[in-house]
């Protein structure tokens, strides 16, 4: 056990002490615990996100909208008992992808960019309306926006923007190595 530093002096740790404290921190979080068998399934992530959502609906207009309700459960909260930012991003990705697929069909797509503005917090047990809509649909990209609003007050909590690229099914070139970076070049990323 380390001795506490004298008052006013910063504590200096040796590399071995620093490693030991870091490992103890991760073990206290349960980082070395075994995951349940359900977490090993290929669709575990999708099931986790779907479990947060209810009442999904898709509009039948030319520019589709996807709406659902997210109930803030203890499993999706942070230390402040508000909706965790990672849960917001995961739901935004899933609902935005559903909206893009409703507009573009079953084309293969991949996420190019997801940005989220966290404006206010949703408390435990509150209901949040999540709505995605198409901002732009082109030959090579689909852009969606996803809004998170409190169901009772309609206050805007989070807003996400989602840029999806259509995949062309063409393989990537061999990787190019620059120093410590590995780059994959995709000469025909956009479909023509």
C-alpha atoms as a PDB file:
ATOM      1  CA  UNK A   1       0.000   0.000   0.000  1.00  0.00           C
ATOM      2  CA  UNK A   2       1.296   3.420  -0.922  1.00  0.00           C
ATOM      3  CA  UNK A   3       1.804   6.119   1.644  1.00  0.00           C
ATOM      4  CA  UNK A   4      -0.258   9.268   1.072  1.00  0.00           C
ATOM      5  CA  UNK A   5       1.817  12.220  -0.156  1.00  0.00           C
ATOM      6  CA  UNK A   6       2.659  15.058   2.215  1.00  0.00           C
ATOM      7  CA  UNK A   7       0.178  17.944   2.120  1.00  0.00           C
ATOM      8  CA  UNK A   8       0.558  20.206  -0.894  1.00  0.00           C
ATOM      9  CA  UNK A   9       2.746  17.828  -2.927  1.00  0.00           C
ATOM     10  CA  UNK A  10       1.375  15.904  -5.917  1.00  0.00           C
ATOM     11  CA  UNK A  11       1.453  12.137  -5.651  1.00  0.00           C
ATOM     12  CA  UNK A  12       4.074  10.476  -7.890  1.00  0.00           C
ATOM     13  CA  UNK A  13       3.379   6.906  -8.964  1.00  0.00           C
ATOM     14  CA  UNK A  14       5.873   4.504 -10.425  1.00  0.00           C
ATOM     15  CA  UNK A  15       4.854   2.847 -13.714  1.00  0.00           C
ATOM     16  CA  UNK A  16       4.190  -0.428 -11.840  1.00  0.00           C
ATOM     17  CA  UNK A  17       1.966   1.331  -9.276  1.00  0.00           C
ATOM     18  CA  UNK A  18       0.127   3.170 -12.032  1.00  0.00           C
ATOM     19  CA  UNK A  19      -0.540  -0.122 -13.904  1.00  0.00           C
ATOM     20  CA  UNK A  20      -1.748  -1.792 -10.694  1.00  0.00           C
ATOM     21  CA  UNK A  21      -4.181   1.050  -9.945  1.00  0.00           C
ATOM     22  CA  UNK A  22      -5.464   1.076 -13.524  1.00  0.00           C
ATOM     23  CA  UNK A  23      -6.089  -2.688 -13.486  1.00  0.00           C
ATOM     24  CA  UNK A  24      -7.840  -2.409 -10.105  1.00  0.00           C
ATOM     25  CA  UNK A  25     -10.055   0.348 -11.507  1.00  0.00           C
ATOM     26  CA  UNK A  26     -11.132  -1.783 -14.501  1.00  0.00           C
ATOM     27  CA  UNK A  27     -11.678  -4.870 -12.333  1.00  0.00           C
ATOM     28  CA  UNK A  28     -13.908  -2.823 -10.005  1.00  0.00           C
ATOM     29  CA  UNK A  29     -15.987  -1.893 -13.072  1.00  0.00           C
ATOM     30  CA  UNK A  30     -16.360  -5.582 -13.920  1.00  0.00           C
ATOM     31  CA  UNK A  31     -14.183  -5.474 -17.038  1.00  0.00           C
ATOM     32  CA  UNK A  32     -12.965  -9.040 -16.499  1.00  0.00           C
ATOM     33  CA  UNK A  33     -16.462 -10.480 -15.889  1.00  0.00           C
ATOM     34  CA  UNK A  34     -17.887 -12.961 -18.401  1.00  0.00           C
ATOM     35  CA  UNK A  35     -20.671 -11.690 -20.637  1.00  0.00           C
ATOM     36  CA  UNK A  36     -23.996 -13.541 -20.604  1.00  0.00           C
ATOM     37  CA  UNK A  37     -24.622 -15.951 -23.469  1.00  0.00           C
ATOM     38  CA  UNK A  38     -27.237 -13.595 -24.970  1.00  0.00           C
ATOM     39  CA  UNK A  39     -24.498 -10.991 -25.508  1.00  0.00           C
ATOM     40  CA  UNK A  40     -22.556 -13.399 -27.718  1.00  0.00           C
ATOM     41  CA  UNK A  41     -25.326 -13.642 -30.337  1.00  0.00           C
ATOM     42  CA  UNK A  42     -24.674 -11.853 -33.656  1.00  0.00           C
ATOM     43  CA  UNK A  43     -27.783  -9.652 -33.236  1.00  0.00           C
ATOM     44  CA  UNK A  44     -27.145  -8.749 -29.571  1.00  0.00           C
ATOM     45  CA  UNK A  45     -26.524  -5.063 -30.301  1.00  0.00           C
ATOM     46  CA  UNK A  46     -29.704  -4.725 -32.358  1.00  0.00           C
ATOM     47  CA  UNK A  47     -31.723  -6.509 -29.669  1.00  0.00           C
ATOM     48  CA  UNK A  48     -30.302  -4.187 -27.020  1.00  0.00           C
ATOM     49  CA  UNK A  49     -31.316  -1.075 -28.966  1.00  0.00           C
ATOM     50  CA  UNK A  50     -34.745  -2.513 -29.889  1.00  0.00           C
ATOM     51  CA  UNK A  51     -35.410  -3.221 -26.207  1.00  0.00           C
ATOM     52  CA  UNK A  52     -35.261   0.532 -25.520  1.00  0.00           C
ATOM     53  CA  UNK A  53     -37.878   1.387 -28.164  1.00  0.00           C
ATOM     54  CA  UNK A  54     -41.609   0.823 -28.470  1.00  0.00           C
ATOM     55  CA  UNK A  55     -44.514   1.904 -30.692  1.00  0.00           C
ATOM     56  CA  UNK A  56     -42.530   2.151 -33.924  1.00  0.00           C
ATOM     57  CA  UNK A  57     -44.366   3.612 -36.923  1.00  0.00           C
ATOM     58  CA  UNK A  58     -43.302   4.438 -40.479  1.00  0.00           C
ATOM     59  CA  UNK A  59     -45.208   7.001 -42.551  1.00  0.00           C
ATOM     60  CA  UNK A  60     -46.100   6.068 -46.121  1.00  0.00           C
ATOM     61  CA  UNK A  61     -45.275   9.407 -47.720  1.00  0.00           C
ATOM     62  CA  UNK A  62     -42.680   9.889 -50.482  1.00  0.00           C
ATOM     63  CA  UNK A  63     -40.338  11.262 -47.817  1.00  0.00           C
ATOM     64  CA  UNK A  64     -40.765   8.696 -45.030  1.00  0.00           C
ATOM     65  CA  UNK A  65     -40.682   9.427 -41.328  1.00  0.00           C
ATOM     66  CA  UNK A  66     -39.963   6.869 -38.628  1.00  0.00           C
ATOM     67  CA  UNK A  67     -41.388   7.511 -35.159  1.00  0.00           C
ATOM     68  CA  UNK A  68     -41.041   5.561 -31.923  1.00  0.00           C
ATOM     69  CA  UNK A  69     -41.120   5.999 -28.181  1.00  0.00           C
ATOM     70  CA  UNK A  70     -38.101   5.524 -25.953  1.00  0.00           C
ATOM     71  CA  UNK A  71     -38.809   4.953 -22.258  1.00  0.00           C
ATOM     72  CA  UNK A  72     -35.787   5.839 -20.133  1.00  0.00           C
ATOM     73  CA  UNK A  73     -35.100   2.663 -18.156  1.00  0.00           C
ATOM     74  CA  UNK A  74     -32.408   2.135 -15.494  1.00  0.00           C
ATOM     75  CA  UNK A  75     -30.383   0.090 -18.017  1.00  0.00           C
ATOM     76  CA  UNK A  76     -30.026   3.150 -20.282  1.00  0.00           C
ATOM     77  CA  UNK A  77     -29.155   5.784 -17.678  1.00  0.00           C
ATOM     78  CA  UNK A  78     -25.897   7.327 -16.553  1.00  0.00           C
ATOM     79  CA  UNK A  79     -24.755   8.197 -13.028  1.00  0.00           C
ATOM     80  CA  UNK A  80     -27.134  11.180 -12.954  1.00  0.00           C
ATOM     81  CA  UNK A  81     -30.206   8.995 -13.664  1.00  0.00           C
ATOM     82  CA  UNK A  82     -30.650  10.577 -17.070  1.00  0.00           C
ATOM     83  CA  UNK A  83     -30.539   8.985 -20.518  1.00  0.00           C
ATOM     84  CA  UNK A  84     -26.965   7.943 -21.327  1.00  0.00           C
ATOM     85  CA  UNK A  85     -25.381   9.689 -24.329  1.00  0.00           C
ATOM     86  CA  UNK A  86     -24.303   6.355 -25.799  1.00  0.00           C
ATOM     87  CA  UNK A  87     -27.907   5.158 -25.731  1.00  0.00           C
ATOM     88  CA  UNK A  88     -28.944   8.342 -27.556  1.00  0.00           C
ATOM     89  CA  UNK A  89     -26.336   7.727 -30.266  1.00  0.00           C
ATOM     90  CA  UNK A  90     -27.265   4.035 -30.612  1.00  0.00           C
ATOM     91  CA  UNK A  91     -30.980   4.821 -30.954  1.00  0.00           C
ATOM     92  CA  UNK A  92     -30.231   7.666 -33.397  1.00  0.00           C
ATOM     93  CA  UNK A  93     -28.205   5.291 -35.564  1.00  0.00           C
ATOM     94  CA  UNK A  94     -30.902   2.591 -35.569  1.00  0.00           C
ATOM     95  CA  UNK A  95     -33.860   4.920 -36.208  1.00  0.00           C
ATOM     96  CA  UNK A  96     -31.940   6.938 -38.815  1.00  0.00           C
ATOM     97  CA  UNK A  97     -30.972   3.740 -40.651  1.00  0.00           C
ATOM     98  CA  UNK A  98     -34.609   2.555 -40.587  1.00  0.00           C
ATOM     99  CA  UNK A  99     -35.706   5.869 -42.099  1.00  0.00           C
ATOM    100  CA  UNK A 100     -33.017   5.723 -44.787  1.00  0.00           C
ATOM    101  CA  UNK A 101     -33.982   2.144 -45.675  1.00  0.00           C
ATOM    102  CA  UNK A 102     -37.638   3.195 -45.937  1.00  0.00           C
ATOM    103  CA  UNK A 103     -36.566   5.819 -48.494  1.00  0.00           C
ATOM    104  CA  UNK A 104     -33.865   3.928 -50.398  1.00  0.00           C
ATOM    105  CA  UNK A 105     -35.092   0.345 -50.154  1.00  0.00           C
ATOM    106  CA  UNK A 106     -32.809  -2.543 -49.350  1.00  0.00           C
ATOM    107  CA  UNK A 107     -29.671  -0.976 -50.798  1.00  0.00           C
ATOM    108  CA  UNK A 108     -26.544  -1.732 -48.836  1.00  0.00           C
ATOM    109  CA  UNK A 109     -25.529   1.389 -46.882  1.00  0.00           C
ATOM    110  CA  UNK A 110     -22.881   2.328 -44.386  1.00  0.00           C
ATOM    111  CA  UNK A 111     -22.669   5.093 -41.819  1.00  0.00           C
ATOM    112  CA  UNK A 112     -20.441   7.933 -42.948  1.00  0.00           C
ATOM    113  CA  UNK A 113     -21.119  10.384 -40.138  1.00  0.00           C
ATOM    114  CA  UNK A 114     -23.323  10.672 -37.063  1.00  0.00           C
ATOM    115  CA  UNK A 115     -23.364  13.879 -35.055  1.00  0.00           C
ATOM    116  CA  UNK A 116     -25.529  14.531 -32.032  1.00  0.00           C
ATOM    117  CA  UNK A 117     -26.263  17.717 -30.103  1.00  0.00           C
ATOM    118  CA  UNK A 118     -27.119  16.999 -26.476  1.00  0.00           C
ATOM    119  CA  UNK A 119     -29.377  19.900 -25.469  1.00  0.00           C
ATOM    120  CA  UNK A 120     -31.169  18.676 -22.333  1.00  0.00           C
ATOM    121  CA  UNK A 121     -31.482  15.554 -20.205  1.00  0.00           C
ATOM    122  CA  UNK A 122     -34.262  12.964 -20.110  1.00  0.00           C
ATOM    123  CA  UNK A 123     -34.838  11.704 -16.562  1.00  0.00           C
ATOM    124  CA  UNK A 124     -35.368   8.098 -15.512  1.00  0.00           C
ATOM    125  CA  UNK A 125     -38.861   6.762 -16.400  1.00  0.00           C
ATOM    126  CA  UNK A 126     -39.615   9.643 -18.780  1.00  0.00           C
ATOM    127  CA  UNK A 127     -40.956   8.940 -22.260  1.00  0.00           C
ATOM    128  CA  UNK A 128     -39.154  10.392 -25.259  1.00  0.00           C
ATOM    129  CA  UNK A 129     -40.581  10.690 -28.773  1.00  0.00           C
ATOM    130  CA  UNK A 130     -37.940   9.847 -31.374  1.00  0.00           C
ATOM    131  CA  UNK A 131     -38.608  10.890 -34.965  1.00  0.00           C
ATOM    132  CA  UNK A 132     -36.370  10.506 -38.003  1.00  0.00           C
ATOM    133  CA  UNK A 133     -36.934  12.120 -41.389  1.00  0.00           C
ATOM    134  CA  UNK A 134     -35.054  12.402 -44.664  1.00  0.00           C
ATOM    135  CA  UNK A 135     -33.234  15.676 -45.275  1.00  0.00           C
ATOM    136  CA  UNK A 136     -31.690  14.643 -48.587  1.00  0.00           C
ATOM    137  CA  UNK A 137     -31.767  11.534 -50.743  1.00  0.00           C
ATOM    138  CA  UNK A 138     -29.370  11.256 -53.648  1.00  0.00           C
ATOM    139  CA  UNK A 139     -27.879   8.546 -55.824  1.00  0.00           C
ATOM    140  CA  UNK A 140     -24.962   7.994 -53.452  1.00  0.00           C
ATOM    141  CA  UNK A 141     -26.017   9.377 -50.057  1.00  0.00           C
ATOM    142  CA  UNK A 142     -28.986   9.689 -47.733  1.00  0.00           C
ATOM    143  CA  UNK A 143     -29.049  12.325 -44.977  1.00  0.00           C
ATOM    144  CA  UNK A 144     -31.472  11.991 -42.084  1.00  0.00           C
ATOM    145  CA  UNK A 145     -32.214  14.027 -39.004  1.00  0.00           C
ATOM    146  CA  UNK A 146     -33.373  12.442 -35.758  1.00  0.00           C
ATOM    147  CA  UNK A 147     -35.109  14.460 -33.028  1.00  0.00           C
ATOM    148  CA  UNK A 148     -35.573  13.363 -29.419  1.00  0.00           C
ATOM    149  CA  UNK A 149     -38.404  15.232 -27.624  1.00  0.00           C
ATOM    150  CA  UNK A 150     -39.995  14.740 -24.212  1.00  0.00           C
ATOM    151  CA  UNK A 151     -43.419  13.241 -24.792  1.00  0.00           C
ATOM    152  CA  UNK A 152     -45.292  15.374 -22.266  1.00  0.00           C
ATOM    153  CA  UNK A 153     -43.737  18.817 -22.948  1.00  0.00           C
ATOM    154  CA  UNK A 154     -42.366  18.312 -26.490  1.00  0.00           C
ATOM    155  CA  UNK A 155     -39.111  19.927 -25.324  1.00  0.00           C
ATOM    156  CA  UNK A 156     -36.221  19.181 -27.693  1.00  0.00           C
ATOM    157  CA  UNK A 157     -33.623  17.027 -25.900  1.00  0.00           C
ATOM    158  CA  UNK A 158     -31.248  15.834 -28.616  1.00  0.00           C
ATOM    159  CA  UNK A 159     -30.915  16.257 -32.347  1.00  0.00           C
ATOM    160  CA  UNK A 160     -28.803  14.013 -34.559  1.00  0.00           C
ATOM    161  CA  UNK A 161     -27.714  14.195 -38.158  1.00  0.00           C
ATOM    162  CA  UNK A 162     -26.982  10.971 -39.978  1.00  0.00           C
ATOM    163  CA  UNK A 163     -25.062  10.667 -43.272  1.00  0.00           C
ATOM    164  CA  UNK A 164     -25.311   7.290 -44.994  1.00  0.00           C
ATOM    165  CA  UNK A 165     -23.461   6.258 -48.137  1.00  0.00           C
ATOM    166  CA  UNK A 166     -24.742   3.671 -50.599  1.00  0.00           C
ATOM    167  CA  UNK A 167     -22.243   0.829 -50.873  1.00  0.00           C
ATOM    168  CA  UNK A 168     -21.355  -0.195 -54.405  1.00  0.00           C
ATOM    169  CA  UNK A 169     -20.181  -3.669 -53.507  1.00  0.00           C
ATOM    170  CA  UNK A 170     -16.741  -3.009 -54.936  1.00  0.00           C
ATOM    171  CA  UNK A 171     -13.814  -4.276 -52.872  1.00  0.00           C
ATOM    172  CA  UNK A 172     -11.388  -1.889 -51.263  1.00  0.00           C
ATOM    173  CA  UNK A 173      -7.890  -1.589 -52.632  1.00  0.00           C
ATOM    174  CA  UNK A 174      -4.957  -2.908 -50.670  1.00  0.00           C
ATOM    175  CA  UNK A 175      -4.164  -0.844 -47.591  1.00  0.00           C
ATOM    176  CA  UNK A 176      -1.620   1.943 -47.855  1.00  0.00           C
ATOM    177  CA  UNK A 177       0.631   2.431 -44.822  1.00  0.00           C
ATOM    178  CA  UNK A 178       1.842   5.925 -43.897  1.00  0.00           C
ATOM    179  CA  UNK A 179       3.922   5.829 -40.737  1.00  0.00           C
ATOM    180  CA  UNK A 180       1.599   4.420 -38.067  1.00  0.00           C
ATOM    181  CA  UNK A 181      -1.585   4.992 -40.097  1.00  0.00           C
ATOM    182  CA  UNK A 182      -3.230   2.429 -42.354  1.00  0.00           C
ATOM    183  CA  UNK A 183      -5.415   3.909 -45.076  1.00  0.00           C
ATOM    184  CA  UNK A 184      -7.781   2.027 -47.348  1.00  0.00           C
ATOM    185  CA  UNK A 185      -8.407   3.716 -50.639  1.00  0.00           C
ATOM    186  CA  UNK A 186     -11.811   3.327 -52.227  1.00  0.00           C
ATOM    187  CA  UNK A 187     -11.549   4.754 -55.755  1.00  0.00           C
ATOM    188  CA  UNK A 188     -15.214   4.210 -56.661  1.00  0.00           C
ATOM    189  CA  UNK A 189     -16.960   4.889 -53.373  1.00  0.00           C
ATOM    190  CA  UNK A 190     -19.927   6.602 -54.947  1.00  0.00           C
ATOM    191  CA  UNK A 191     -22.180   4.705 -57.306  1.00  0.00           C
ATOM    192  CA  UNK A 192     -22.553   6.193 -60.766  1.00  0.00           C
END
